[in-house]
N, C-alpha and C. Protein backbone atom coordinates (compact mmCIF):
# COMPACT_ATOMS: atom_id res chain seq x y z
N MET A 1 7.62 3.56 -10.24
CA MET A 1 6.97 2.57 -9.39
C MET A 1 6.85 1.25 -10.14
N LYS A 2 7.18 0.17 -9.45
CA LYS A 2 7.12 -1.16 -10.07
C LYS A 2 6.24 -2.13 -9.30
N LYS A 3 5.76 -1.72 -8.12
CA LYS A 3 4.94 -2.62 -7.31
C LYS A 3 3.69 -1.90 -6.83
N ALA A 4 2.52 -2.46 -7.13
CA ALA A 4 1.25 -1.92 -6.63
C ALA A 4 0.18 -2.98 -6.85
N ILE A 5 -0.84 -2.93 -6.00
CA ILE A 5 -1.91 -3.92 -6.10
C ILE A 5 -3.15 -3.38 -5.40
N ILE A 6 -4.31 -3.88 -5.81
CA ILE A 6 -5.57 -3.54 -5.16
C ILE A 6 -5.95 -4.69 -4.22
N GLY A 7 -6.50 -4.36 -3.08
CA GLY A 7 -6.86 -5.40 -2.12
C GLY A 7 -8.08 -5.04 -1.30
N LYS A 8 -8.46 -5.97 -0.44
CA LYS A 8 -9.60 -5.78 0.45
C LYS A 8 -9.15 -5.99 1.89
N LYS A 9 -9.47 -5.04 2.74
CA LYS A 9 -9.11 -5.14 4.15
C LYS A 9 -9.99 -6.19 4.83
N LEU A 10 -9.34 -7.18 5.46
CA LEU A 10 -10.07 -8.25 6.12
C LEU A 10 -10.16 -8.07 7.62
N GLY A 11 -9.25 -7.30 8.20
CA GLY A 11 -9.27 -7.10 9.65
C GLY A 11 -7.87 -7.07 10.21
N MET A 12 -7.76 -7.03 11.54
CA MET A 12 -6.46 -6.97 12.21
C MET A 12 -6.24 -8.20 13.08
N THR A 13 -4.97 -8.53 13.24
CA THR A 13 -4.58 -9.61 14.13
C THR A 13 -3.16 -9.30 14.60
N GLN A 14 -2.44 -10.31 15.10
CA GLN A 14 -1.08 -10.09 15.53
C GLN A 14 -0.23 -11.32 15.22
N VAL A 15 1.05 -11.09 14.99
CA VAL A 15 1.98 -12.17 14.74
C VAL A 15 3.15 -12.01 15.70
N PHE A 16 3.87 -13.11 15.90
CA PHE A 16 5.01 -13.11 16.80
C PHE A 16 6.30 -13.33 16.00
N THR A 17 7.33 -12.59 16.33
CA THR A 17 8.64 -12.80 15.74
C THR A 17 9.32 -13.98 16.44
N PRO A 18 10.38 -14.54 15.86
CA PRO A 18 11.10 -15.62 16.55
C PRO A 18 11.60 -15.23 17.94
N GLU A 19 11.80 -13.92 18.16
CA GLU A 19 12.24 -13.45 19.49
C GLU A 19 11.09 -13.29 20.46
N GLY A 20 9.85 -13.49 19.99
CA GLY A 20 8.69 -13.38 20.86
C GLY A 20 8.07 -11.99 20.91
N VAL A 21 8.46 -11.12 19.99
CA VAL A 21 7.91 -9.76 19.95
C VAL A 21 6.57 -9.79 19.20
N VAL A 22 5.56 -9.15 19.78
CA VAL A 22 4.24 -9.10 19.16
C VAL A 22 4.18 -7.95 18.16
N ILE A 23 3.71 -8.24 16.94
CA ILE A 23 3.56 -7.22 15.90
C ILE A 23 2.09 -7.16 15.48
N PRO A 24 1.42 -6.04 15.72
CA PRO A 24 0.03 -5.90 15.22
C PRO A 24 0.03 -5.74 13.71
N VAL A 25 -0.82 -6.48 13.02
CA VAL A 25 -0.83 -6.44 11.56
C VAL A 25 -2.27 -6.34 11.05
N THR A 26 -2.41 -5.78 9.86
CA THR A 26 -3.68 -5.75 9.14
C THR A 26 -3.60 -6.77 8.01
N VAL A 27 -4.62 -7.62 7.92
CA VAL A 27 -4.65 -8.65 6.88
C VAL A 27 -5.39 -8.08 5.66
N VAL A 28 -4.74 -8.15 4.51
CA VAL A 28 -5.30 -7.62 3.27
C VAL A 28 -5.34 -8.74 2.23
N GLU A 29 -6.52 -8.96 1.66
CA GLU A 29 -6.64 -9.87 0.52
C GLU A 29 -6.21 -9.10 -0.72
N ALA A 30 -5.01 -9.38 -1.20
CA ALA A 30 -4.41 -8.60 -2.28
C ALA A 30 -4.48 -9.36 -3.59
N GLY A 31 -5.34 -8.90 -4.50
CA GLY A 31 -5.45 -9.53 -5.81
C GLY A 31 -6.18 -10.85 -5.76
N PRO A 32 -6.07 -11.63 -6.84
CA PRO A 32 -5.34 -11.32 -8.07
C PRO A 32 -6.00 -10.22 -8.89
N CYS A 33 -5.17 -9.39 -9.53
CA CYS A 33 -5.64 -8.25 -10.29
C CYS A 33 -5.20 -8.39 -11.75
N PRO A 34 -6.11 -8.75 -12.66
CA PRO A 34 -5.72 -8.87 -14.07
C PRO A 34 -5.48 -7.51 -14.70
N VAL A 35 -4.53 -7.46 -15.64
CA VAL A 35 -4.26 -6.25 -16.40
C VAL A 35 -5.29 -6.16 -17.52
N VAL A 36 -6.11 -5.11 -17.53
CA VAL A 36 -7.17 -4.98 -18.52
C VAL A 36 -6.85 -3.94 -19.59
N GLN A 37 -5.82 -3.13 -19.35
CA GLN A 37 -5.45 -2.12 -20.34
C GLN A 37 -4.01 -1.69 -20.11
N ILE A 38 -3.26 -1.50 -21.17
CA ILE A 38 -1.87 -1.04 -21.08
C ILE A 38 -1.76 0.28 -21.83
N LYS A 39 -1.35 1.32 -21.13
CA LYS A 39 -1.21 2.64 -21.75
C LYS A 39 0.28 2.91 -22.00
N ASN A 40 0.57 3.58 -23.13
CA ASN A 40 1.96 3.85 -23.50
C ASN A 40 2.13 5.27 -23.99
N ASP A 41 3.39 5.66 -24.15
CA ASP A 41 3.71 7.03 -24.56
C ASP A 41 3.16 7.37 -25.94
N GLU A 42 3.24 6.42 -26.87
CA GLU A 42 2.85 6.71 -28.24
C GLU A 42 1.36 7.05 -28.36
N LYS A 43 0.53 6.30 -27.66
CA LYS A 43 -0.91 6.48 -27.80
C LYS A 43 -1.52 7.39 -26.74
N ASP A 44 -1.04 7.25 -25.50
CA ASP A 44 -1.67 7.95 -24.38
C ASP A 44 -0.81 9.06 -23.78
N GLY A 45 0.47 9.10 -24.14
CA GLY A 45 1.33 10.15 -23.61
C GLY A 45 2.03 9.79 -22.32
N TYR A 46 1.75 8.63 -21.77
CA TYR A 46 2.41 8.18 -20.54
C TYR A 46 2.26 6.66 -20.44
N ASN A 47 3.05 6.05 -19.58
CA ASN A 47 3.02 4.61 -19.38
C ASN A 47 2.24 4.28 -18.11
N ALA A 48 1.30 3.35 -18.20
CA ALA A 48 0.52 2.95 -17.04
C ALA A 48 -0.17 1.62 -17.31
N LEU A 49 -0.54 0.95 -16.24
CA LEU A 49 -1.33 -0.27 -16.30
C LEU A 49 -2.69 -0.01 -15.66
N VAL A 50 -3.74 -0.50 -16.30
CA VAL A 50 -5.08 -0.46 -15.71
C VAL A 50 -5.41 -1.88 -15.25
N VAL A 51 -5.64 -2.03 -13.95
CA VAL A 51 -5.88 -3.36 -13.38
C VAL A 51 -7.26 -3.39 -12.73
N ALA A 52 -7.78 -4.58 -12.55
CA ALA A 52 -9.13 -4.76 -12.00
C ALA A 52 -9.08 -5.66 -10.78
N PHE A 53 -10.14 -5.59 -9.97
CA PHE A 53 -10.20 -6.38 -8.74
C PHE A 53 -11.66 -6.65 -8.38
N GLU A 54 -11.91 -7.83 -7.87
CA GLU A 54 -13.21 -8.26 -7.33
C GLU A 54 -14.25 -8.43 -8.44
N ARG A 55 -14.47 -9.66 -8.81
CA ARG A 55 -15.41 -9.97 -9.88
C ARG A 55 -16.84 -9.59 -9.51
N GLN A 56 -17.64 -9.31 -10.55
CA GLN A 56 -19.05 -9.04 -10.36
C GLN A 56 -19.81 -9.47 -11.61
N LYS A 57 -21.15 -9.41 -11.54
CA LYS A 57 -21.97 -9.83 -12.66
C LYS A 57 -21.76 -8.91 -13.87
N ALA A 58 -21.75 -9.51 -15.05
CA ALA A 58 -21.48 -8.75 -16.27
C ALA A 58 -22.54 -7.68 -16.52
N GLN A 59 -23.81 -7.94 -16.13
CA GLN A 59 -24.87 -6.97 -16.40
C GLN A 59 -24.75 -5.70 -15.55
N ARG A 60 -23.87 -5.71 -14.58
CA ARG A 60 -23.68 -4.53 -13.73
C ARG A 60 -22.56 -3.62 -14.24
N VAL A 61 -21.96 -3.97 -15.37
CA VAL A 61 -20.86 -3.19 -15.93
C VAL A 61 -21.37 -2.41 -17.14
N ASN A 62 -20.97 -1.15 -17.25
CA ASN A 62 -21.41 -0.34 -18.40
C ASN A 62 -20.72 -0.81 -19.68
N LYS A 63 -21.20 -0.33 -20.83
CA LYS A 63 -20.72 -0.82 -22.12
C LYS A 63 -19.25 -0.50 -22.38
N PRO A 64 -18.77 0.71 -22.06
CA PRO A 64 -17.33 0.95 -22.30
C PRO A 64 -16.43 -0.02 -21.55
N MET A 65 -16.72 -0.27 -20.25
CA MET A 65 -15.89 -1.18 -19.48
C MET A 65 -16.07 -2.62 -19.93
N THR A 66 -17.28 -2.96 -20.40
CA THR A 66 -17.49 -4.31 -20.94
C THR A 66 -16.57 -4.56 -22.12
N GLY A 67 -16.41 -3.54 -22.97
CA GLY A 67 -15.50 -3.66 -24.10
C GLY A 67 -14.05 -3.81 -23.67
N VAL A 68 -13.66 -3.07 -22.62
CA VAL A 68 -12.29 -3.18 -22.11
C VAL A 68 -12.02 -4.58 -21.59
N PHE A 69 -12.97 -5.12 -20.79
CA PHE A 69 -12.80 -6.46 -20.24
C PHE A 69 -12.77 -7.51 -21.36
N LYS A 70 -13.62 -7.33 -22.36
CA LYS A 70 -13.68 -8.29 -23.46
C LYS A 70 -12.37 -8.30 -24.25
N LYS A 71 -11.82 -7.13 -24.49
CA LYS A 71 -10.56 -7.03 -25.24
C LYS A 71 -9.42 -7.68 -24.47
N ALA A 72 -9.46 -7.55 -23.13
CA ALA A 72 -8.41 -8.15 -22.30
C ALA A 72 -8.62 -9.65 -22.10
N GLY A 73 -9.84 -10.14 -22.44
CA GLY A 73 -10.12 -11.55 -22.28
C GLY A 73 -10.36 -11.97 -20.85
N VAL A 74 -10.93 -11.06 -20.04
CA VAL A 74 -11.21 -11.36 -18.64
C VAL A 74 -12.70 -11.16 -18.36
N GLU A 75 -13.14 -11.62 -17.19
CA GLU A 75 -14.53 -11.45 -16.77
C GLU A 75 -14.75 -10.02 -16.26
N ALA A 76 -15.99 -9.73 -15.90
CA ALA A 76 -16.33 -8.39 -15.39
C ALA A 76 -15.82 -8.23 -13.96
N TYR A 77 -15.33 -7.03 -13.66
CA TYR A 77 -14.81 -6.73 -12.33
C TYR A 77 -15.45 -5.45 -11.80
N ARG A 78 -15.44 -5.32 -10.48
CA ARG A 78 -16.10 -4.19 -9.83
C ARG A 78 -15.18 -2.98 -9.69
N VAL A 79 -13.92 -3.20 -9.35
CA VAL A 79 -12.98 -2.11 -9.07
C VAL A 79 -11.93 -2.06 -10.18
N VAL A 80 -11.70 -0.87 -10.73
CA VAL A 80 -10.69 -0.68 -11.76
C VAL A 80 -9.83 0.52 -11.36
N LYS A 81 -8.51 0.34 -11.34
CA LYS A 81 -7.59 1.43 -11.00
C LYS A 81 -6.41 1.44 -11.95
N GLU A 82 -5.77 2.59 -12.02
CA GLU A 82 -4.62 2.78 -12.91
C GLU A 82 -3.37 3.01 -12.08
N PHE A 83 -2.30 2.30 -12.45
CA PHE A 83 -1.01 2.45 -11.79
C PHE A 83 0.04 2.85 -12.82
N LYS A 84 0.82 3.87 -12.51
CA LYS A 84 1.88 4.31 -13.42
C LYS A 84 3.15 3.49 -13.15
N PHE A 85 3.19 2.29 -13.74
CA PHE A 85 4.34 1.42 -13.59
C PHE A 85 5.46 1.89 -14.53
N ASP A 86 6.70 1.70 -14.08
CA ASP A 86 7.85 2.02 -14.91
C ASP A 86 8.15 0.92 -15.92
N ASN A 87 7.68 -0.30 -15.64
CA ASN A 87 8.00 -1.46 -16.48
C ASN A 87 6.76 -2.04 -17.13
N THR A 88 5.95 -1.19 -17.76
CA THR A 88 4.71 -1.67 -18.37
C THR A 88 4.96 -2.65 -19.51
N ASN A 89 6.14 -2.55 -20.14
CA ASN A 89 6.43 -3.45 -21.25
C ASN A 89 6.63 -4.90 -20.81
N GLU A 90 6.73 -5.12 -19.51
CA GLU A 90 6.90 -6.49 -18.99
C GLU A 90 5.56 -7.18 -18.76
N TYR A 91 4.46 -6.47 -18.99
CA TYR A 91 3.13 -7.03 -18.73
C TYR A 91 2.37 -7.19 -20.04
N SER A 92 1.37 -8.08 -20.02
CA SER A 92 0.50 -8.30 -21.17
C SER A 92 -0.94 -8.29 -20.72
N LEU A 93 -1.88 -8.07 -21.64
CA LEU A 93 -3.30 -8.05 -21.31
C LEU A 93 -3.72 -9.39 -20.71
N GLY A 94 -4.49 -9.32 -19.63
CA GLY A 94 -4.97 -10.52 -18.99
C GLY A 94 -4.03 -11.09 -17.95
N GLN A 95 -2.78 -10.63 -17.93
CA GLN A 95 -1.83 -11.12 -16.94
C GLN A 95 -2.25 -10.68 -15.55
N GLU A 96 -2.13 -11.57 -14.57
CA GLU A 96 -2.59 -11.28 -13.21
C GLU A 96 -1.44 -10.80 -12.33
N ILE A 97 -1.70 -9.73 -11.59
CA ILE A 97 -0.77 -9.26 -10.56
C ILE A 97 -1.24 -9.84 -9.24
N LYS A 98 -0.38 -10.56 -8.57
CA LYS A 98 -0.77 -11.27 -7.35
C LYS A 98 0.02 -10.73 -6.15
N ALA A 99 -0.31 -11.26 -4.98
CA ALA A 99 0.30 -10.79 -3.74
C ALA A 99 1.81 -10.99 -3.74
N ASP A 100 2.30 -11.97 -4.49
CA ASP A 100 3.73 -12.25 -4.46
C ASP A 100 4.56 -11.20 -5.19
N ILE A 101 3.92 -10.14 -5.71
CA ILE A 101 4.68 -9.02 -6.26
C ILE A 101 5.46 -8.33 -5.16
N PHE A 102 4.97 -8.46 -3.91
CA PHE A 102 5.66 -7.91 -2.74
C PHE A 102 6.41 -9.01 -2.01
N THR A 103 7.41 -8.63 -1.25
CA THR A 103 8.16 -9.56 -0.42
C THR A 103 8.20 -9.04 1.01
N GLU A 104 8.50 -9.92 1.93
CA GLU A 104 8.58 -9.51 3.34
C GLU A 104 9.66 -8.46 3.52
N GLY A 105 9.32 -7.42 4.27
CA GLY A 105 10.25 -6.33 4.50
C GLY A 105 10.06 -5.14 3.58
N ASP A 106 9.23 -5.28 2.54
CA ASP A 106 8.96 -4.15 1.66
C ASP A 106 8.25 -3.03 2.42
N VAL A 107 8.57 -1.80 2.07
CA VAL A 107 7.92 -0.63 2.68
C VAL A 107 6.90 -0.09 1.67
N VAL A 108 5.66 0.10 2.14
CA VAL A 108 4.57 0.45 1.23
C VAL A 108 3.78 1.62 1.77
N ASP A 109 3.03 2.26 0.86
CA ASP A 109 2.02 3.27 1.21
C ASP A 109 0.66 2.67 0.93
N VAL A 110 -0.25 2.75 1.90
CA VAL A 110 -1.57 2.15 1.77
C VAL A 110 -2.62 3.25 1.75
N THR A 111 -3.47 3.24 0.72
CA THR A 111 -4.52 4.25 0.56
C THR A 111 -5.88 3.59 0.69
N GLY A 112 -6.76 4.20 1.47
CA GLY A 112 -8.11 3.68 1.65
C GLY A 112 -9.08 4.79 2.00
N THR A 113 -10.34 4.43 2.13
CA THR A 113 -11.39 5.39 2.50
C THR A 113 -11.80 5.13 3.94
N THR A 114 -11.71 6.17 4.77
CA THR A 114 -11.96 6.00 6.20
C THR A 114 -13.42 5.66 6.47
N ARG A 115 -13.66 5.11 7.63
CA ARG A 115 -15.00 4.73 8.05
C ARG A 115 -15.89 5.97 8.20
N GLY A 116 -17.11 5.89 7.72
CA GLY A 116 -18.05 7.00 7.84
C GLY A 116 -18.61 7.12 9.25
N ARG A 117 -18.65 8.34 9.77
CA ARG A 117 -19.16 8.59 11.13
C ARG A 117 -20.48 9.35 11.13
N GLY A 118 -20.97 9.69 9.93
CA GLY A 118 -22.22 10.43 9.87
C GLY A 118 -22.04 11.89 10.25
N PHE A 119 -23.13 12.53 10.66
CA PHE A 119 -23.10 13.94 11.09
C PHE A 119 -22.70 13.96 12.56
N THR A 120 -21.56 14.54 12.87
CA THR A 120 -21.05 14.53 14.23
C THR A 120 -20.80 15.95 14.73
N GLY A 121 -20.72 16.08 16.04
CA GLY A 121 -20.45 17.36 16.66
C GLY A 121 -18.96 17.66 16.70
N VAL A 122 -18.64 18.82 17.27
CA VAL A 122 -17.25 19.28 17.23
C VAL A 122 -16.35 18.47 18.15
N ILE A 123 -16.91 17.84 19.19
CA ILE A 123 -16.08 17.06 20.10
C ILE A 123 -15.54 15.82 19.41
N GLN A 124 -16.42 15.09 18.71
CA GLN A 124 -15.97 13.90 17.99
C GLN A 124 -15.21 14.27 16.71
N ARG A 125 -15.67 15.30 16.02
CA ARG A 125 -15.09 15.63 14.72
C ARG A 125 -13.76 16.34 14.83
N TRP A 126 -13.62 17.25 15.81
CA TRP A 126 -12.42 18.08 15.90
C TRP A 126 -11.69 17.93 17.24
N ASN A 127 -12.17 17.02 18.09
CA ASN A 127 -11.52 16.77 19.38
C ASN A 127 -11.51 18.01 20.29
N GLN A 128 -12.57 18.81 20.22
CA GLN A 128 -12.67 19.98 21.09
C GLN A 128 -13.13 19.57 22.49
N HIS A 129 -12.91 20.47 23.45
CA HIS A 129 -13.37 20.24 24.82
C HIS A 129 -14.85 20.58 24.93
N ARG A 130 -15.52 19.93 25.87
CA ARG A 130 -16.90 20.32 26.16
C ARG A 130 -16.88 21.56 27.05
N LEU A 131 -18.04 22.21 27.18
CA LEU A 131 -18.15 23.36 28.06
C LEU A 131 -18.26 22.87 29.50
N LYS A 132 -18.06 23.77 30.46
CA LYS A 132 -18.12 23.36 31.86
C LYS A 132 -19.54 22.93 32.21
N MET A 133 -19.69 22.07 33.20
CA MET A 133 -20.97 21.46 33.53
C MET A 133 -21.76 22.23 34.59
N THR A 134 -21.22 23.36 35.08
CA THR A 134 -21.86 24.05 36.20
C THR A 134 -22.07 25.53 35.90
N HIS A 135 -22.92 26.16 36.74
CA HIS A 135 -23.06 27.61 36.86
C HIS A 135 -23.36 28.31 35.53
N GLY A 136 -24.56 28.05 35.05
CA GLY A 136 -25.05 28.84 33.93
C GLY A 136 -24.68 28.35 32.56
N THR A 137 -23.89 27.32 32.46
CA THR A 137 -23.56 26.77 31.14
C THR A 137 -24.57 25.69 30.80
N GLY A 138 -25.24 25.85 29.72
CA GLY A 138 -26.24 24.86 29.35
C GLY A 138 -27.45 25.52 28.74
N PRO A 139 -28.48 24.75 28.40
CA PRO A 139 -28.61 23.32 28.67
C PRO A 139 -27.73 22.41 27.81
N VAL A 140 -27.01 22.99 26.84
CA VAL A 140 -26.16 22.17 25.98
C VAL A 140 -24.71 22.35 26.42
N HIS A 141 -24.01 21.24 26.62
CA HIS A 141 -22.62 21.31 27.08
C HIS A 141 -21.62 20.84 26.03
N ARG A 142 -22.12 20.33 24.91
CA ARG A 142 -21.23 19.82 23.86
C ARG A 142 -21.34 20.66 22.59
N GLU A 143 -21.78 21.91 22.72
CA GLU A 143 -21.96 22.75 21.55
C GLU A 143 -20.63 23.37 21.11
N VAL A 144 -20.69 24.09 20.00
CA VAL A 144 -19.48 24.66 19.43
C VAL A 144 -18.85 25.69 20.34
N GLY A 145 -19.68 26.52 20.96
CA GLY A 145 -19.17 27.63 21.75
C GLY A 145 -19.23 28.92 20.96
N SER A 146 -18.50 29.92 21.39
CA SER A 146 -18.54 31.24 20.77
C SER A 146 -18.10 31.21 19.32
N MET A 147 -18.84 31.93 18.49
CA MET A 147 -18.46 32.08 17.09
C MET A 147 -17.47 33.23 16.89
N SER A 148 -17.22 34.02 17.93
CA SER A 148 -16.32 35.18 17.85
C SER A 148 -16.73 36.12 16.73
N ALA A 149 -18.03 36.39 16.63
CA ALA A 149 -18.51 37.25 15.55
C ALA A 149 -19.40 38.34 16.15
N ASN A 150 -18.80 39.47 16.52
CA ASN A 150 -19.60 40.61 16.99
C ASN A 150 -19.74 41.61 15.84
N SER A 151 -19.90 42.88 16.14
CA SER A 151 -20.14 43.84 15.06
C SER A 151 -18.95 43.94 14.09
N THR A 152 -17.79 43.54 14.57
CA THR A 152 -16.63 43.43 13.68
C THR A 152 -16.00 42.06 13.88
N PRO A 153 -16.03 41.18 12.91
CA PRO A 153 -16.30 41.40 11.49
C PRO A 153 -17.74 41.08 11.07
N SER A 154 -18.64 40.79 12.00
CA SER A 154 -20.04 40.50 11.69
C SER A 154 -20.19 39.26 10.81
N ARG A 155 -19.28 38.33 10.93
CA ARG A 155 -19.38 37.08 10.20
C ARG A 155 -18.50 36.04 10.90
N VAL A 156 -18.67 34.81 10.51
CA VAL A 156 -17.84 33.73 11.03
C VAL A 156 -16.69 33.50 10.07
N PHE A 157 -15.48 33.44 10.59
CA PHE A 157 -14.31 33.25 9.74
C PHE A 157 -14.34 31.88 9.07
N LYS A 158 -13.75 31.80 7.89
CA LYS A 158 -13.63 30.54 7.19
C LYS A 158 -12.77 29.56 8.01
N ASN A 159 -13.04 28.28 7.79
CA ASN A 159 -12.29 27.20 8.44
C ASN A 159 -12.57 27.08 9.93
N LYS A 160 -13.66 27.68 10.39
CA LYS A 160 -14.07 27.51 11.78
C LYS A 160 -14.50 26.05 11.98
N ASN A 161 -14.01 25.44 13.05
CA ASN A 161 -14.40 24.06 13.34
C ASN A 161 -15.87 24.00 13.72
N MET A 162 -16.65 23.28 12.90
CA MET A 162 -18.10 23.22 13.09
C MET A 162 -18.56 21.78 13.03
N PRO A 163 -19.79 21.50 13.50
CA PRO A 163 -20.34 20.15 13.30
C PRO A 163 -20.52 19.86 11.81
N GLY A 164 -20.54 18.60 11.45
CA GLY A 164 -20.74 18.25 10.05
C GLY A 164 -20.43 16.80 9.78
N HIS A 165 -20.40 16.47 8.49
CA HIS A 165 -20.12 15.09 8.09
C HIS A 165 -18.67 14.74 8.37
N TYR A 166 -18.47 13.59 9.01
CA TYR A 166 -17.14 13.18 9.46
C TYR A 166 -16.84 11.80 8.92
N GLY A 167 -15.66 11.63 8.34
CA GLY A 167 -15.27 10.34 7.79
C GLY A 167 -15.45 10.29 6.28
N VAL A 168 -15.33 9.08 5.71
CA VAL A 168 -15.43 8.83 4.28
C VAL A 168 -14.46 9.76 3.53
N GLU A 169 -13.21 9.75 3.95
CA GLU A 169 -12.17 10.56 3.32
C GLU A 169 -11.06 9.65 2.81
N ARG A 170 -10.46 10.04 1.71
CA ARG A 170 -9.35 9.28 1.14
C ARG A 170 -8.09 9.59 1.95
N VAL A 171 -7.53 8.57 2.56
CA VAL A 171 -6.38 8.74 3.46
C VAL A 171 -5.27 7.77 3.04
N THR A 172 -4.03 8.24 3.07
CA THR A 172 -2.88 7.40 2.78
C THR A 172 -1.98 7.32 4.01
N ILE A 173 -1.68 6.09 4.44
CA ILE A 173 -0.73 5.86 5.52
C ILE A 173 0.60 5.47 4.87
N GLN A 174 1.65 6.20 5.18
CA GLN A 174 2.93 6.00 4.50
C GLN A 174 3.88 5.13 5.31
N ASN A 175 4.79 4.49 4.58
CA ASN A 175 5.93 3.77 5.15
C ASN A 175 5.51 2.67 6.12
N LEU A 176 4.59 1.82 5.68
CA LEU A 176 4.22 0.64 6.45
C LEU A 176 5.01 -0.56 5.91
N GLU A 177 5.29 -1.50 6.79
CA GLU A 177 6.13 -2.64 6.42
C GLU A 177 5.29 -3.88 6.14
N ILE A 178 5.65 -4.61 5.08
CA ILE A 178 5.04 -5.90 4.80
C ILE A 178 5.68 -6.93 5.73
N VAL A 179 4.89 -7.48 6.65
CA VAL A 179 5.43 -8.43 7.62
C VAL A 179 5.45 -9.84 7.05
N LYS A 180 4.41 -10.20 6.27
CA LYS A 180 4.35 -11.56 5.74
C LYS A 180 3.55 -11.55 4.45
N VAL A 181 3.94 -12.45 3.53
CA VAL A 181 3.24 -12.63 2.27
C VAL A 181 2.79 -14.08 2.17
N ASP A 182 1.49 -14.29 1.88
CA ASP A 182 0.94 -15.64 1.72
C ASP A 182 0.40 -15.76 0.29
N PRO A 183 1.25 -16.16 -0.66
CA PRO A 183 0.80 -16.21 -2.06
C PRO A 183 -0.32 -17.21 -2.30
N ALA A 184 -0.34 -18.31 -1.53
CA ALA A 184 -1.35 -19.34 -1.75
C ALA A 184 -2.76 -18.81 -1.49
N ARG A 185 -2.89 -17.91 -0.54
CA ARG A 185 -4.21 -17.36 -0.21
C ARG A 185 -4.35 -15.89 -0.60
N ASN A 186 -3.36 -15.36 -1.34
CA ASN A 186 -3.38 -13.96 -1.78
C ASN A 186 -3.52 -12.99 -0.61
N LEU A 187 -2.73 -13.20 0.43
CA LEU A 187 -2.82 -12.37 1.62
C LEU A 187 -1.52 -11.62 1.85
N LEU A 188 -1.67 -10.36 2.28
CA LEU A 188 -0.54 -9.55 2.75
C LEU A 188 -0.80 -9.15 4.19
N LEU A 189 0.20 -9.29 5.05
CA LEU A 189 0.11 -8.84 6.42
C LEU A 189 0.93 -7.57 6.55
N VAL A 190 0.23 -6.45 6.77
CA VAL A 190 0.86 -5.13 6.81
C VAL A 190 0.97 -4.69 8.26
N LYS A 191 2.14 -4.26 8.66
CA LYS A 191 2.35 -3.84 10.05
C LYS A 191 1.55 -2.58 10.36
N GLY A 192 0.80 -2.62 11.47
CA GLY A 192 0.02 -1.45 11.88
C GLY A 192 -1.37 -1.45 11.29
N CYS A 193 -2.05 -0.31 11.42
CA CYS A 193 -3.43 -0.19 10.94
C CYS A 193 -3.46 0.59 9.64
N ILE A 194 -4.51 0.36 8.86
CA ILE A 194 -4.70 1.06 7.60
C ILE A 194 -6.11 1.63 7.57
N PRO A 195 -6.39 2.62 6.70
CA PRO A 195 -7.71 3.27 6.71
C PRO A 195 -8.82 2.33 6.26
N GLY A 196 -10.03 2.60 6.76
CA GLY A 196 -11.21 1.92 6.26
C GLY A 196 -11.72 0.82 7.16
N PRO A 197 -13.01 0.48 7.03
CA PRO A 197 -13.60 -0.63 7.79
C PRO A 197 -13.27 -1.97 7.13
N LYS A 198 -13.65 -3.05 7.78
CA LYS A 198 -13.46 -4.37 7.20
C LYS A 198 -14.26 -4.48 5.90
N GLY A 199 -13.65 -5.09 4.90
CA GLY A 199 -14.32 -5.25 3.62
C GLY A 199 -14.12 -4.10 2.65
N SER A 200 -13.44 -3.04 3.08
CA SER A 200 -13.23 -1.90 2.20
C SER A 200 -12.05 -2.15 1.26
N VAL A 201 -12.08 -1.48 0.11
CA VAL A 201 -11.04 -1.64 -0.89
C VAL A 201 -9.88 -0.69 -0.58
N VAL A 202 -8.67 -1.20 -0.64
CA VAL A 202 -7.47 -0.41 -0.39
C VAL A 202 -6.49 -0.59 -1.54
N THR A 203 -5.58 0.35 -1.66
CA THR A 203 -4.52 0.29 -2.67
C THR A 203 -3.17 0.26 -1.96
N ILE A 204 -2.35 -0.70 -2.34
CA ILE A 204 -1.02 -0.84 -1.73
C ILE A 204 0.02 -0.56 -2.82
N ARG A 205 0.89 0.45 -2.56
CA ARG A 205 1.95 0.81 -3.49
C ARG A 205 3.28 0.77 -2.76
N GLU A 206 4.34 0.51 -3.52
CA GLU A 206 5.66 0.61 -2.91
C GLU A 206 5.89 2.07 -2.51
N ALA A 207 6.52 2.26 -1.37
CA ALA A 207 6.69 3.60 -0.83
C ALA A 207 7.61 4.42 -1.72
N VAL A 208 7.26 5.69 -1.85
CA VAL A 208 8.08 6.61 -2.62
C VAL A 208 9.24 7.08 -1.74
N LYS A 209 10.44 7.08 -2.30
CA LYS A 209 11.60 7.55 -1.53
C LYS A 209 11.48 9.04 -1.30
N ARG A 210 11.51 9.43 -0.05
CA ARG A 210 11.35 10.84 0.31
C ARG A 210 12.61 11.36 0.95
N SER A 211 13.00 12.57 0.59
CA SER A 211 14.22 13.16 1.14
C SER A 211 13.95 13.73 2.52
């Protein structure tokens, strides 16, 4: 992998092609992401870059990360991620990775954390049907329904769809296209939707070739 960046989801809009075709896009504020640590085979056993995103107050950073930022000669940052780049030798500490690392037409995988839905029932969480509204069904019509647990096996099977916490999951959407790159404002326009609410942190990587 040679292209990756951390960004913030700003929202969705649409753009028009010269032919007048409407393309829904997600706007991502991508970088700048300074390189705060370079890992190599000799010392760490593998090659990778550790990059940071979104500045924050220095007093909110723990001592180990404060030392990492100080060694790299950068300010304190809130988000730190590691990317296994193939060309780590082309980077130096403090160098910034910006939106222009990508070009229009690039195919990427976008990873984010989905919006939290709280404690939800089986209809919202698992898309189950409600019970019928007439003739003895009730007073609850949106309940789970039968547990299928009589004297044999006298228990509920694992993986039964039940109410519970829904959302806040790490999700990756694969093979999305970069529609436009705005280096001046550090913006990427990604075709389609990506996980997470507005303001959430996302990771954009070049798509892995799949057979």
